[in-house]
Amino acid sequence: MKKTSKLILLVTMLTIPWVPVSAQEPAKKAEAAAPAEYKYKTPKLNRAKFDALLAKPQQLVVIDVRRPDELTTKGGFPVYLSIQASDIEKSLAYIPKGRKIVTVSNHAGRAGAAADLLATKGFKVVGAVGALNYEEEGGKLTKITVPEPKS
């Protein structure tokens, strides 16, 4: 029985294509770095369009749909409503309907999905923006410092 198991294991190992770990790493990094193609109805905003909306804050609500750890490590905008993407539908009652809405995520993927959902629910969604795209275009993000735990 043991010989049969070893033989099956050996045959399995020989039939599986082998790629050295060093050859796998660049592909994994490229996959992680490349954002998915934007495919939503809500327009994806560039820095100039978003800055124009930020110039009239009394008319705007910025909803950041990222996780708290993403906000602290990558940064965000100075004022926003934080509702994670998975909680948007449960939080509709807390989102003002009388203002223009811009949703935010890292590269606007989750923001686009959240914006499309909000638009179907009757909100005035004007766009989605990627915080990291905004920063790449020369925009300044606010970095959030996590306080040290009290001893």
Protein backbone atom coordinates (compact mmCIF):
# COMPACT_ATOMS: atom_id res chain seq x y z
CA MET A 1 0.00 0.00 0.00
CA LYS A 2 2.78 2.43 0.90
CA LYS A 3 4.62 1.72 -2.37
CA THR A 4 1.46 2.39 -4.37
CA SER A 5 0.88 5.70 -2.57
CA LYS A 6 4.47 6.77 -3.14
CA LEU A 7 4.25 5.80 -6.81
CA ILE A 8 1.03 7.80 -7.28
CA LEU A 9 2.62 10.79 -5.55
CA LEU A 10 5.72 10.54 -7.72
CA VAL A 11 3.71 10.30 -10.94
CA THR A 12 1.55 13.24 -9.87
CA MET A 13 4.60 15.35 -9.11
CA LEU A 14 6.19 14.52 -12.44
CA THR A 15 3.07 15.40 -14.45
CA ILE A 16 2.50 18.80 -12.82
CA PRO A 17 4.28 21.59 -14.71
CA TRP A 18 7.10 23.01 -12.65
CA VAL A 19 7.91 26.71 -12.61
CA PRO A 20 10.62 28.07 -10.34
CA VAL A 21 9.36 30.38 -7.59
CA SER A 22 11.55 33.23 -8.87
CA ALA A 23 9.74 33.09 -12.23
CA GLN A 24 6.33 33.25 -10.51
CA GLU A 25 7.01 36.40 -8.47
CA PRO A 26 6.99 39.04 -11.27
CA ALA A 27 3.69 37.71 -12.61
CA LYS A 28 2.08 37.86 -9.17
CA LYS A 29 3.33 41.43 -8.63
CA ALA A 30 2.04 42.52 -12.04
CA GLU A 31 -1.39 41.02 -11.32
CA ALA A 32 -1.58 42.77 -7.96
CA ALA A 33 -0.43 46.11 -9.37
CA ALA A 34 -2.71 46.24 -12.41
CA PRO A 35 -6.20 47.51 -11.54
CA ALA A 36 -9.16 45.94 -13.29
CA GLU A 37 -10.70 47.73 -16.25
CA TYR A 38 -13.40 50.24 -15.27
CA LYS A 39 -16.76 48.91 -16.48
CA TYR A 40 -19.47 50.91 -14.70
CA LYS A 41 -22.18 53.32 -15.88
CA THR A 42 -21.09 56.00 -13.41
CA PRO A 43 -18.31 58.15 -14.90
CA LYS A 44 -14.81 57.68 -13.50
CA LEU A 45 -13.53 61.11 -12.46
CA ASN A 46 -10.00 62.35 -12.98
CA ARG A 47 -8.30 64.78 -10.61
CA ALA A 48 -9.45 67.96 -12.40
CA LYS A 49 -13.13 66.93 -12.42
CA PHE A 50 -13.04 65.82 -8.80
CA ASP A 51 -11.26 69.01 -7.68
CA ALA A 52 -13.99 71.06 -9.39
CA LEU A 53 -16.62 69.19 -7.36
CA LEU A 54 -14.61 69.59 -4.14
CA ALA A 55 -14.63 73.37 -4.71
CA LYS A 56 -18.34 73.36 -3.75
CA PRO A 57 -18.40 71.16 -0.62
CA GLN A 58 -21.89 72.28 0.43
CA GLN A 59 -23.28 70.45 -2.64
CA LEU A 60 -21.24 67.26 -2.27
CA VAL A 61 -21.03 64.06 -0.24
CA VAL A 62 -17.92 61.93 -0.65
CA ILE A 63 -18.48 58.28 0.26
CA ASP A 64 -15.32 56.24 0.74
CA VAL A 65 -16.12 52.53 0.33
CA ARG A 66 -12.70 51.21 1.35
CA ARG A 67 -11.83 49.28 4.50
CA PRO A 68 -10.43 51.27 7.47
CA ASP A 69 -6.98 49.71 7.03
CA GLU A 70 -6.86 51.00 3.43
CA LEU A 71 -7.70 54.50 4.62
CA THR A 72 -4.90 54.48 7.16
CA THR A 73 -2.23 52.94 4.92
CA LYS A 74 -3.02 54.71 1.64
CA GLY A 75 -4.73 57.91 2.73
CA GLY A 76 -7.94 59.59 1.66
CA PHE A 77 -9.74 62.88 1.42
CA PRO A 78 -10.14 65.27 4.36
CA VAL A 79 -13.90 64.85 4.71
CA TYR A 80 -15.90 61.78 3.73
CA LEU A 81 -18.61 59.39 4.79
CA SER A 82 -17.04 55.98 5.39
CA ILE A 83 -19.31 53.12 4.35
CA GLN A 84 -17.65 49.91 3.24
CA ALA A 85 -18.74 48.62 -0.15
CA SER A 86 -20.49 45.60 1.37
CA ASP A 87 -22.58 47.86 3.64
CA ILE A 88 -23.83 50.42 1.08
CA GLU A 89 -27.28 48.90 0.63
CA LYS A 90 -27.79 48.57 4.41
CA SER A 91 -26.82 52.23 4.91
CA LEU A 92 -29.06 53.98 2.36
CA ALA A 93 -31.07 55.75 5.08
CA TYR A 94 -27.93 57.55 6.28
CA ILE A 95 -26.93 58.94 2.88
CA PRO A 96 -28.34 62.40 2.02
CA LYS A 97 -30.40 62.40 -1.19
CA GLY A 98 -30.26 66.16 -1.76
CA ARG A 99 -26.53 66.34 -2.56
CA LYS A 100 -24.27 65.20 -5.37
CA ILE A 101 -22.42 62.00 -4.48
CA VAL A 102 -18.93 60.87 -5.41
CA THR A 103 -17.78 57.42 -4.32
CA VAL A 104 -14.13 56.59 -3.61
CA SER A 105 -12.02 53.43 -3.63
CA ASN A 106 -8.36 52.78 -4.49
CA HIS A 107 -8.73 52.59 -8.29
CA ALA A 108 -12.48 53.35 -8.59
CA GLY A 109 -13.56 49.72 -9.12
CA ARG A 110 -15.53 49.30 -5.89
CA ALA A 111 -16.47 52.97 -6.08
CA GLY A 112 -18.02 52.45 -9.53
CA ALA A 113 -20.04 49.47 -8.33
CA ALA A 114 -21.27 51.38 -5.25
CA ALA A 115 -22.08 54.45 -7.37
CA ASP A 116 -24.13 52.39 -9.83
CA LEU A 117 -26.07 50.86 -6.93
CA LEU A 118 -26.74 54.29 -5.41
CA ALA A 119 -27.89 55.65 -8.78
CA THR A 120 -30.45 52.83 -9.10
CA LYS A 121 -31.77 53.82 -5.65
CA GLY A 122 -32.41 57.42 -6.73
CA PHE A 123 -29.29 59.18 -5.46
CA LYS A 124 -27.61 62.00 -7.45
CA VAL A 125 -24.35 60.21 -8.21
CA VAL A 126 -21.95 62.31 -10.27
CA GLY A 127 -18.93 60.05 -10.36
CA ALA A 128 -16.46 57.60 -8.87
CA VAL A 129 -12.82 58.34 -8.16
CA GLY A 130 -9.79 56.23 -7.34
CA ALA A 131 -7.82 57.75 -4.46
CA LEU A 132 -4.58 56.25 -5.76
CA ASN A 133 -5.35 57.47 -9.30
CA TYR A 134 -6.00 60.95 -7.87
CA GLU A 135 -2.64 60.87 -6.09
CA GLU A 136 -0.86 59.63 -9.25
CA GLU A 137 -2.30 62.67 -11.09
CA GLY A 138 -0.69 65.00 -8.54
CA GLY A 139 -3.53 65.25 -6.01
CA LYS A 140 -2.79 65.29 -2.30
CA LEU A 141 -4.30 62.64 -0.03
CA THR A 142 -4.71 63.09 3.70
CA LYS A 143 -2.77 60.48 5.65
CA ILE A 144 -4.48 59.19 8.76
CA THR A 145 -2.29 58.33 11.74
CA VAL A 146 -3.57 55.52 13.93
CA PRO A 147 -3.15 56.46 17.60
CA GLU A 148 -1.01 54.25 19.80
CA PRO A 149 -3.01 51.99 22.14
CA LYS A 150 -3.21 53.19 25.72
CA SER A 151 -1.21 51.15 28.21
